N, C-alpha and C. Protein backbone atom coordinates (compact mmCIF):
# COMPACT_ATOMS: atom_id res chain seq x y z
N MET A 1 105.33 109.81 123.24
CA MET A 1 105.42 108.54 123.87
C MET A 1 105.28 108.70 125.42
N ILE A 2 105.81 109.73 125.97
CA ILE A 2 105.65 109.96 127.36
C ILE A 2 104.21 110.30 127.78
N LYS A 3 103.61 111.05 126.95
CA LYS A 3 102.25 111.45 127.16
C LYS A 3 101.40 110.15 127.17
N ARG A 4 101.57 109.31 126.24
CA ARG A 4 100.69 108.08 126.16
C ARG A 4 101.03 107.19 127.42
N LEU A 5 102.30 107.14 127.83
CA LEU A 5 102.63 106.41 129.03
C LEU A 5 101.97 106.98 130.30
N GLN A 6 101.85 108.31 130.38
CA GLN A 6 101.22 109.03 131.46
C GLN A 6 99.65 108.69 131.44
N LYS A 7 99.03 108.60 130.29
CA LYS A 7 97.65 108.43 130.22
C LYS A 7 97.33 106.87 130.60
N ASN A 8 98.28 105.94 130.18
CA ASN A 8 98.09 104.54 130.43
C ASN A 8 99.45 103.99 131.05
N PRO A 9 99.65 104.04 132.29
CA PRO A 9 100.82 103.54 132.85
C PRO A 9 101.04 102.09 132.77
N ASP A 10 100.13 101.27 132.45
CA ASP A 10 100.32 99.74 132.24
C ASP A 10 100.54 99.41 130.78
N ILE A 11 100.71 100.38 129.90
CA ILE A 11 100.99 100.10 128.46
C ILE A 11 102.32 99.25 128.41
N THR A 12 102.34 98.41 127.50
CA THR A 12 103.58 97.45 127.21
C THR A 12 104.58 98.37 126.23
N LEU A 13 105.77 97.85 126.28
CA LEU A 13 106.70 98.47 125.26
C LEU A 13 106.24 98.13 123.90
N ARG A 14 105.72 96.99 123.73
CA ARG A 14 105.21 96.65 122.27
C ARG A 14 104.13 97.60 121.89
N GLU A 15 103.21 97.81 122.77
CA GLU A 15 102.08 98.69 122.53
C GLU A 15 102.58 100.11 122.19
N LEU A 16 103.52 100.65 122.94
CA LEU A 16 104.15 101.84 122.70
C LEU A 16 104.81 101.91 121.31
N ALA A 17 105.44 100.85 120.97
CA ALA A 17 106.10 100.74 119.59
C ALA A 17 105.09 100.77 118.52
N GLU A 18 104.02 100.05 118.61
CA GLU A 18 102.97 99.98 117.67
C GLU A 18 102.30 101.37 117.55
N ALA A 19 102.01 102.10 118.70
CA ALA A 19 101.48 103.41 118.62
C ALA A 19 102.35 104.37 117.89
N LEU A 20 103.57 104.32 118.19
CA LEU A 20 104.58 105.19 117.60
C LEU A 20 104.62 104.94 116.00
N LYS A 21 104.55 103.74 115.66
CA LYS A 21 104.59 103.40 114.26
C LYS A 21 103.20 103.84 113.51
N GLU A 22 102.15 103.73 114.14
CA GLU A 22 100.77 104.27 113.71
C GLU A 22 100.87 105.75 113.50
N GLU A 23 101.36 106.47 114.56
CA GLU A 23 101.37 107.93 114.60
C GLU A 23 102.36 108.57 113.71
N THR A 24 103.58 107.95 113.57
CA THR A 24 104.70 108.60 112.84
C THR A 24 105.10 107.79 111.59
N GLY A 25 104.77 106.57 111.57
CA GLY A 25 105.36 105.71 110.44
C GLY A 25 106.76 105.14 110.71
N VAL A 26 107.15 105.48 111.88
CA VAL A 26 108.60 105.06 112.21
C VAL A 26 108.55 103.87 113.02
N SER A 27 109.25 102.86 112.67
CA SER A 27 109.41 101.53 113.38
C SER A 27 110.55 101.65 114.26
N VAL A 28 110.32 101.39 115.55
CA VAL A 28 111.43 101.49 116.58
C VAL A 28 111.52 100.14 117.34
N GLN A 29 112.73 99.76 117.74
CA GLN A 29 113.01 98.52 118.42
C GLN A 29 112.51 98.76 119.90
N LEU A 30 112.10 97.69 120.52
CA LEU A 30 111.65 97.85 121.99
C LEU A 30 112.74 98.23 122.88
N SER A 31 114.00 97.86 122.57
CA SER A 31 115.09 98.23 123.42
C SER A 31 115.36 99.80 123.25
N SER A 32 115.16 100.27 122.23
CA SER A 32 115.30 101.87 122.03
C SER A 32 114.20 102.49 122.84
N ILE A 33 113.06 102.05 122.88
CA ILE A 33 112.06 102.64 123.69
C ILE A 33 112.36 102.50 125.16
N HIS A 34 112.86 101.33 125.52
CA HIS A 34 113.26 101.12 126.99
C HIS A 34 114.33 102.10 127.35
N ARG A 35 115.32 102.34 126.51
CA ARG A 35 116.41 103.19 126.80
C ARG A 35 115.89 104.64 126.91
N ALA A 36 114.97 105.01 126.02
CA ALA A 36 114.48 106.35 126.13
C ALA A 36 113.66 106.65 127.35
N LEU A 37 112.88 105.59 127.77
CA LEU A 37 112.07 105.78 128.96
C LEU A 37 113.09 105.94 130.23
N ARG A 38 114.17 105.10 130.16
CA ARG A 38 115.20 105.26 131.28
C ARG A 38 115.74 106.49 131.31
N ARG A 39 116.15 107.11 130.13
CA ARG A 39 116.76 108.43 130.04
C ARG A 39 115.80 109.46 130.58
N ALA A 40 114.45 109.27 130.45
CA ALA A 40 113.46 110.24 130.87
C ALA A 40 113.11 109.93 132.34
N ASN A 41 113.83 109.07 133.03
CA ASN A 41 113.73 108.78 134.46
C ASN A 41 112.37 108.00 134.73
N TYR A 42 112.02 107.08 133.76
CA TYR A 42 110.86 106.35 133.98
C TYR A 42 111.40 104.86 134.26
N SER A 43 110.90 104.33 135.33
CA SER A 43 111.29 102.87 135.52
C SER A 43 110.15 102.09 134.87
N TYR A 44 110.45 100.94 134.27
CA TYR A 44 109.41 100.33 133.59
C TYR A 44 109.22 98.94 134.06
N LYS A 45 108.53 98.81 135.18
CA LYS A 45 108.21 97.52 135.84
C LYS A 45 106.72 97.25 135.66
N LYS A 46 106.33 96.23 134.95
CA LYS A 46 104.97 95.93 134.85
C LYS A 46 104.25 95.62 136.11
N ARG A 47 103.14 96.14 136.41
CA ARG A 47 102.44 95.85 137.53
C ARG A 47 101.67 94.56 137.36
N PRO A 48 101.51 93.84 138.49
CA PRO A 48 100.81 92.63 138.40
C PRO A 48 99.43 92.75 137.93
N HIS A 49 98.84 91.88 137.17
CA HIS A 49 97.54 91.99 136.60
C HIS A 49 96.48 92.00 137.75
N ARG A 50 95.64 92.81 137.76
CA ARG A 50 94.54 92.90 138.83
C ARG A 50 93.30 92.33 138.33
N ARG A 51 92.56 91.64 139.30
CA ARG A 51 91.29 90.97 138.86
C ARG A 51 90.16 91.77 139.55
């Protein structure tokens, strides 16, 4: 999950959850992903969409 976030810093929690389910077959709540990212010292603030 961290590697995917490093490759694509603008990925959403939902996209991370979907990728995790595809790769492992495990379904994870968005709040669980958020907590895991916070424990790994990642702040998760979405950047404004750039045009």
